[in-house]
Amino acid sequence: MTLDANYNVKYVFLSPDSATAYSRSTRIAEIANAGKPDEFEKQPGDDGGYLWRLYSYWRFLQRDGDVYTQLEAISLTRDIPTGLGWLVGPFVSSIPQESLEFTMTRTREALAKIADH
């Protein structure tokens, strides 16, 4: 599944070596036929609705030449229809995990680029 999402992100610098951030989705849309010529964005309510919102809360701490990152996320999803849990359940559970893995990987890559300069 491919999603297109918009987020409101705010960073708060608590001290020279620590910060927090939060990211709150403001819009999540499912993309049908992603990567194909007939790709299109489904309207909210006409999609699967398996991820309505995703909120992330970050903590950053710099110590001993490293940056420690903690990330917690809360997702809002639709209930799985009775009888389809075996089919849809693993998929719904994987969406937030894949999103967090993608985010953490990109964050690590961005921090590594900054450190190289």
N, C-alpha and C. Protein backbone atom coordinates (compact mmCIF):
# COMPACT_ATOMS: atom_id res chain seq x y z
N MET A 1 0.84 -1.17 0.00
CA MET A 1 0.00 0.00 0.00
C MET A 1 0.89 1.23 0.00
N THR A 2 0.52 2.21 -0.79
CA THR A 2 1.23 3.48 -0.84
C THR A 2 0.31 4.57 -0.32
N LEU A 3 0.85 5.42 0.55
CA LEU A 3 0.09 6.51 1.14
C LEU A 3 0.76 7.83 0.83
N ASP A 4 -0.03 8.87 0.69
CA ASP A 4 0.46 10.24 0.57
C ASP A 4 -0.03 10.96 1.81
N ALA A 5 0.89 11.57 2.56
CA ALA A 5 0.50 12.17 3.83
C ALA A 5 1.12 13.55 4.01
N ASN A 6 0.39 14.40 4.71
CA ASN A 6 0.88 15.71 5.12
C ASN A 6 0.99 15.71 6.64
N TYR A 7 2.02 16.39 7.15
CA TYR A 7 2.27 16.42 8.59
C TYR A 7 2.52 17.84 9.06
N ASN A 8 2.13 18.11 10.29
CA ASN A 8 2.49 19.33 10.99
C ASN A 8 3.60 18.92 11.96
N VAL A 9 4.79 19.51 11.81
CA VAL A 9 5.94 19.12 12.62
C VAL A 9 6.43 20.33 13.39
N LYS A 10 6.71 20.12 14.68
CA LYS A 10 7.24 21.20 15.51
C LYS A 10 8.46 20.69 16.27
N TYR A 11 9.54 21.48 16.25
CA TYR A 11 10.76 21.17 16.98
C TYR A 11 10.90 22.12 18.15
N VAL A 12 11.31 21.60 19.30
CA VAL A 12 11.54 22.42 20.49
C VAL A 12 12.94 22.11 21.00
N PHE A 13 13.80 23.11 21.03
CA PHE A 13 15.16 22.93 21.53
C PHE A 13 15.17 23.26 23.02
N LEU A 14 15.43 22.25 23.83
CA LEU A 14 15.37 22.40 25.29
C LEU A 14 16.68 22.91 25.87
N SER A 15 17.78 22.54 25.25
CA SER A 15 19.12 22.95 25.67
C SER A 15 20.05 22.74 24.48
N PRO A 16 21.31 23.13 24.61
CA PRO A 16 22.23 22.91 23.48
C PRO A 16 22.40 21.44 23.09
N ASP A 17 22.08 20.51 24.01
CA ASP A 17 22.28 19.09 23.70
C ASP A 17 21.00 18.26 23.73
N SER A 18 19.85 18.90 23.80
CA SER A 18 18.61 18.11 23.79
C SER A 18 17.48 18.87 23.10
N ALA A 19 16.60 18.09 22.50
CA ALA A 19 15.46 18.66 21.78
C ALA A 19 14.33 17.64 21.76
N THR A 20 13.14 18.12 21.49
CA THR A 20 11.99 17.26 21.27
C THR A 20 11.33 17.70 19.97
N ALA A 21 10.51 16.83 19.46
CA ALA A 21 9.75 17.17 18.25
C ALA A 21 8.48 16.35 18.25
N TYR A 22 7.48 16.89 17.59
CA TYR A 22 6.29 16.08 17.36
C TYR A 22 5.85 16.25 15.93
N SER A 23 5.28 15.19 15.41
CA SER A 23 4.80 15.16 14.04
C SER A 23 3.38 14.62 14.08
N ARG A 24 2.45 15.39 13.55
CA ARG A 24 1.05 14.98 13.55
C ARG A 24 0.51 15.03 12.12
N SER A 25 0.00 13.91 11.68
CA SER A 25 -0.55 13.89 10.32
C SER A 25 -1.79 14.77 10.27
N THR A 26 -1.92 15.49 9.19
CA THR A 26 -3.10 16.32 8.98
C THR A 26 -3.97 15.77 7.86
N ARG A 27 -3.37 14.90 7.06
CA ARG A 27 -4.09 14.30 5.93
C ARG A 27 -3.34 13.06 5.48
N ILE A 28 -4.06 11.95 5.32
CA ILE A 28 -3.47 10.72 4.81
C ILE A 28 -4.39 10.19 3.72
N ALA A 29 -3.84 9.97 2.54
CA ALA A 29 -4.63 9.46 1.42
C ALA A 29 -3.94 8.23 0.84
N GLU A 30 -4.75 7.26 0.49
CA GLU A 30 -4.25 6.04 -0.14
C GLU A 30 -4.08 6.28 -1.64
N ILE A 31 -2.98 5.77 -2.17
CA ILE A 31 -2.72 5.89 -3.61
C ILE A 31 -3.02 4.55 -4.26
N ALA A 32 -3.92 4.56 -5.21
CA ALA A 32 -4.27 3.34 -5.95
C ALA A 32 -3.35 3.21 -7.16
N ASN A 33 -2.97 1.99 -7.47
CA ASN A 33 -2.14 1.69 -8.64
C ASN A 33 -0.82 2.47 -8.61
N ALA A 34 -0.22 2.56 -7.43
CA ALA A 34 1.01 3.35 -7.26
C ALA A 34 2.09 2.91 -8.24
N GLY A 35 2.72 3.89 -8.88
CA GLY A 35 3.80 3.64 -9.81
C GLY A 35 3.37 3.23 -11.20
N LYS A 36 2.07 3.17 -11.42
CA LYS A 36 1.56 2.78 -12.74
C LYS A 36 0.98 4.01 -13.44
N PRO A 37 0.80 3.95 -14.75
CA PRO A 37 0.28 5.11 -15.48
C PRO A 37 -1.11 5.56 -15.00
N ASP A 38 -1.91 4.63 -14.47
CA ASP A 38 -3.25 5.01 -14.02
C ASP A 38 -3.30 5.25 -12.51
N GLU A 39 -2.16 5.63 -11.92
CA GLU A 39 -2.09 5.94 -10.49
C GLU A 39 -3.04 7.09 -10.17
N PHE A 40 -3.72 6.99 -9.03
CA PHE A 40 -4.56 8.09 -8.57
C PHE A 40 -4.73 8.03 -7.06
N GLU A 41 -5.08 9.18 -6.49
CA GLU A 41 -5.29 9.29 -5.06
C GLU A 41 -6.76 9.04 -4.74
N LYS A 42 -7.00 8.10 -3.85
CA LYS A 42 -8.37 7.83 -3.42
C LYS A 42 -8.82 8.92 -2.45
N GLN A 43 -10.08 9.24 -2.50
CA GLN A 43 -10.64 10.23 -1.59
C GLN A 43 -10.80 9.62 -0.20
N PRO A 44 -10.56 10.41 0.86
CA PRO A 44 -10.81 9.89 2.20
C PRO A 44 -12.24 9.38 2.31
N GLY A 45 -12.41 8.22 2.87
CA GLY A 45 -13.72 7.60 2.96
C GLY A 45 -13.95 6.59 1.85
N ASP A 46 -13.26 6.76 0.71
CA ASP A 46 -13.35 5.81 -0.40
C ASP A 46 -12.16 4.86 -0.43
N ASP A 47 -11.27 5.01 0.55
CA ASP A 47 -10.09 4.15 0.62
C ASP A 47 -10.31 3.07 1.67
N GLY A 48 -9.28 2.29 1.94
CA GLY A 48 -9.39 1.23 2.94
C GLY A 48 -9.53 1.77 4.35
N GLY A 49 -9.02 3.00 4.58
CA GLY A 49 -9.13 3.62 5.88
C GLY A 49 -8.31 2.95 6.96
N TYR A 50 -7.28 2.21 6.56
CA TYR A 50 -6.53 1.46 7.54
C TYR A 50 -5.47 2.29 8.25
N LEU A 51 -5.25 3.53 7.83
CA LEU A 51 -4.42 4.46 8.60
C LEU A 51 -5.02 5.85 8.42
N TRP A 52 -5.67 6.33 9.48
CA TRP A 52 -6.32 7.64 9.42
C TRP A 52 -5.40 8.75 9.91
N ARG A 53 -4.66 8.46 10.96
CA ARG A 53 -3.74 9.45 11.52
C ARG A 53 -2.52 8.74 12.09
N LEU A 54 -1.40 9.45 12.09
CA LEU A 54 -0.17 8.95 12.68
C LEU A 54 0.51 10.12 13.39
N TYR A 55 0.65 10.01 14.71
CA TYR A 55 1.31 11.03 15.52
C TYR A 55 2.62 10.44 16.03
N SER A 56 3.69 11.21 15.94
CA SER A 56 5.01 10.75 16.39
C SER A 56 5.58 11.76 17.37
N TYR A 57 6.22 11.25 18.40
CA TYR A 57 6.82 12.07 19.44
C TYR A 57 8.29 11.66 19.57
N TRP A 58 9.17 12.64 19.41
CA TRP A 58 10.61 12.40 19.36
C TRP A 58 11.32 13.05 20.55
N ARG A 59 12.42 12.42 20.96
CA ARG A 59 13.34 13.01 21.92
C ARG A 59 14.76 12.80 21.38
N PHE A 60 15.55 13.87 21.42
CA PHE A 60 16.93 13.82 20.94
C PHE A 60 17.86 14.24 22.07
N LEU A 61 18.96 13.52 22.22
CA LEU A 61 19.94 13.86 23.24
C LEU A 61 21.33 13.60 22.67
N GLN A 62 22.18 14.61 22.74
CA GLN A 62 23.56 14.47 22.27
C GLN A 62 24.45 14.22 23.48
N ARG A 63 25.20 13.12 23.44
CA ARG A 63 26.12 12.75 24.51
C ARG A 63 27.32 12.00 23.92
N ASP A 64 28.49 12.33 24.40
CA ASP A 64 29.70 11.58 24.04
C ASP A 64 29.90 11.44 22.54
N GLY A 65 29.56 12.47 21.77
CA GLY A 65 29.76 12.45 20.33
C GLY A 65 28.69 11.71 19.55
N ASP A 66 27.66 11.23 20.22
CA ASP A 66 26.57 10.52 19.57
C ASP A 66 25.25 11.26 19.80
N VAL A 67 24.28 10.95 18.97
CA VAL A 67 22.93 11.48 19.16
C VAL A 67 22.01 10.29 19.41
N TYR A 68 21.33 10.33 20.55
CA TYR A 68 20.39 9.29 20.92
C TYR A 68 18.99 9.77 20.56
N THR A 69 18.23 8.92 19.93
CA THR A 69 16.90 9.28 19.46
C THR A 69 15.89 8.28 20.00
N GLN A 70 14.82 8.82 20.56
CA GLN A 70 13.70 7.99 21.00
C GLN A 70 12.48 8.44 20.21
N LEU A 71 11.73 7.48 19.71
CA LEU A 71 10.55 7.79 18.91
C LEU A 71 9.39 6.93 19.38
N GLU A 72 8.28 7.58 19.68
CA GLU A 72 7.05 6.88 20.02
C GLU A 72 5.99 7.32 19.02
N ALA A 73 5.13 6.41 18.62
CA ALA A 73 4.11 6.73 17.63
C ALA A 73 2.76 6.17 18.05
N ILE A 74 1.75 6.92 17.70
CA ILE A 74 0.37 6.50 17.94
C ILE A 74 -0.35 6.55 16.60
N SER A 75 -1.00 5.45 16.23
CA SER A 75 -1.72 5.44 14.96
C SER A 75 -3.20 5.22 15.21
N LEU A 76 -4.01 5.82 14.37
CA LEU A 76 -5.46 5.65 14.41
C LEU A 76 -5.86 4.91 13.14
N THR A 77 -6.48 3.76 13.33
CA THR A 77 -6.88 2.94 12.21
C THR A 77 -8.34 2.53 12.35
N ARG A 78 -8.90 2.07 11.29
CA ARG A 78 -10.27 1.56 11.28
C ARG A 78 -10.29 0.16 11.86
N ASP A 79 -11.40 -0.21 12.50
CA ASP A 79 -11.56 -1.58 12.96
C ASP A 79 -11.55 -2.52 11.76
N ILE A 80 -10.99 -3.68 11.97
CA ILE A 80 -10.96 -4.69 10.92
C ILE A 80 -12.31 -5.39 10.91
N PRO A 81 -12.95 -5.49 9.74
CA PRO A 81 -14.24 -6.16 9.67
C PRO A 81 -14.18 -7.60 10.18
N THR A 82 -15.21 -8.02 10.88
CA THR A 82 -15.29 -9.38 11.42
C THR A 82 -15.04 -10.40 10.33
N GLY A 83 -14.17 -11.35 10.63
CA GLY A 83 -13.86 -12.43 9.70
C GLY A 83 -12.69 -12.14 8.77
N LEU A 84 -12.25 -10.88 8.72
CA LEU A 84 -11.14 -10.54 7.83
C LEU A 84 -9.83 -10.30 8.58
N GLY A 85 -9.84 -10.48 9.90
CA GLY A 85 -8.64 -10.25 10.70
C GLY A 85 -7.45 -11.04 10.22
N TRP A 86 -7.65 -12.29 9.84
CA TRP A 86 -6.56 -13.14 9.38
C TRP A 86 -5.93 -12.60 8.10
N LEU A 87 -6.72 -11.89 7.29
CA LEU A 87 -6.24 -11.38 6.01
C LEU A 87 -5.67 -9.97 6.15
N VAL A 88 -6.41 -9.10 6.82
CA VAL A 88 -6.06 -7.68 6.88
C VAL A 88 -5.18 -7.35 8.09
N GLY A 89 -5.31 -8.10 9.19
CA GLY A 89 -4.60 -7.79 10.42
C GLY A 89 -3.10 -7.59 10.26
N PRO A 90 -2.38 -8.53 9.64
CA PRO A 90 -0.94 -8.35 9.49
C PRO A 90 -0.59 -7.11 8.67
N PHE A 91 -1.40 -6.80 7.68
CA PHE A 91 -1.17 -5.63 6.84
C PHE A 91 -1.33 -4.34 7.65
N VAL A 92 -2.43 -4.25 8.41
CA VAL A 92 -2.70 -3.05 9.21
C VAL A 92 -1.61 -2.86 10.26
N SER A 93 -1.16 -3.94 10.85
CA SER A 93 -0.10 -3.85 11.86
C SER A 93 1.23 -3.42 11.26
N SER A 94 1.47 -3.74 10.01
CA SER A 94 2.76 -3.43 9.39
C SER A 94 2.88 -1.98 8.95
N ILE A 95 1.77 -1.29 8.70
CA ILE A 95 1.83 0.09 8.19
C ILE A 95 2.59 1.00 9.15
N PRO A 96 2.20 1.09 10.44
CA PRO A 96 2.95 1.97 11.34
C PRO A 96 4.42 1.55 11.49
N GLN A 97 4.68 0.25 11.54
CA GLN A 97 6.06 -0.21 11.68
C GLN A 97 6.89 0.19 10.46
N GLU A 98 6.35 0.01 9.27
CA GLU A 98 7.09 0.38 8.06
C GLU A 98 7.32 1.89 8.02
N SER A 99 6.33 2.67 8.43
CA SER A 99 6.48 4.11 8.46
C SER A 99 7.58 4.53 9.44
N LEU A 100 7.61 3.92 10.61
CA LEU A 100 8.63 4.24 11.60
C LEU A 100 10.02 3.81 11.12
N GLU A 101 10.11 2.64 10.53
CA GLU A 101 11.41 2.19 10.01
C GLU A 101 11.92 3.14 8.94
N PHE A 102 11.04 3.55 8.04
CA PHE A 102 11.42 4.49 6.98
C PHE A 102 11.89 5.81 7.60
N THR A 103 11.13 6.32 8.56
CA THR A 103 11.46 7.59 9.20
C THR A 103 12.79 7.51 9.93
N MET A 104 13.00 6.45 10.71
CA MET A 104 14.24 6.33 11.46
C MET A 104 15.44 6.16 10.53
N THR A 105 15.28 5.42 9.45
CA THR A 105 16.37 5.24 8.49
C THR A 105 16.73 6.57 7.84
N ARG A 106 15.72 7.32 7.40
CA ARG A 106 15.99 8.62 6.77
C ARG A 106 16.58 9.61 7.77
N THR A 107 16.17 9.55 9.01
CA THR A 107 16.74 10.43 10.04
C THR A 107 18.21 10.10 10.25
N ARG A 108 18.54 8.82 10.35
CA ARG A 108 19.94 8.41 10.52
C ARG A 108 20.77 8.88 9.33
N GLU A 109 20.25 8.73 8.11
CA GLU A 109 20.98 9.14 6.91
C GLU A 109 21.21 10.66 6.91
N ALA A 110 20.19 11.41 7.30
CA ALA A 110 20.32 12.87 7.33
C ALA A 110 21.34 13.32 8.38
N LEU A 111 21.31 12.70 9.55
CA LEU A 111 22.27 13.04 10.60
C LEU A 111 23.68 12.66 10.19
N ALA A 112 23.83 11.56 9.49
CA ALA A 112 25.15 11.14 9.03
C ALA A 112 25.72 12.15 8.03
N LYS A 113 24.87 12.67 7.15
CA LYS A 113 25.33 13.68 6.19
C LYS A 113 25.78 14.95 6.89
N ILE A 114 25.02 15.35 7.92
CA ILE A 114 25.39 16.55 8.69
C ILE A 114 26.72 16.33 9.38
N ALA A 115 26.91 15.15 9.95
CA ALA A 115 28.13 14.83 10.68
C ALA A 115 29.35 14.82 9.75
N ASP A 116 29.15 14.46 8.48
CA ASP A 116 30.25 14.39 7.52
C ASP A 116 30.74 15.77 7.10
N HIS A 117 29.97 16.80 7.33
CA HIS A 117 30.35 18.15 6.89
C HIS A 117 31.10 18.89 7.95
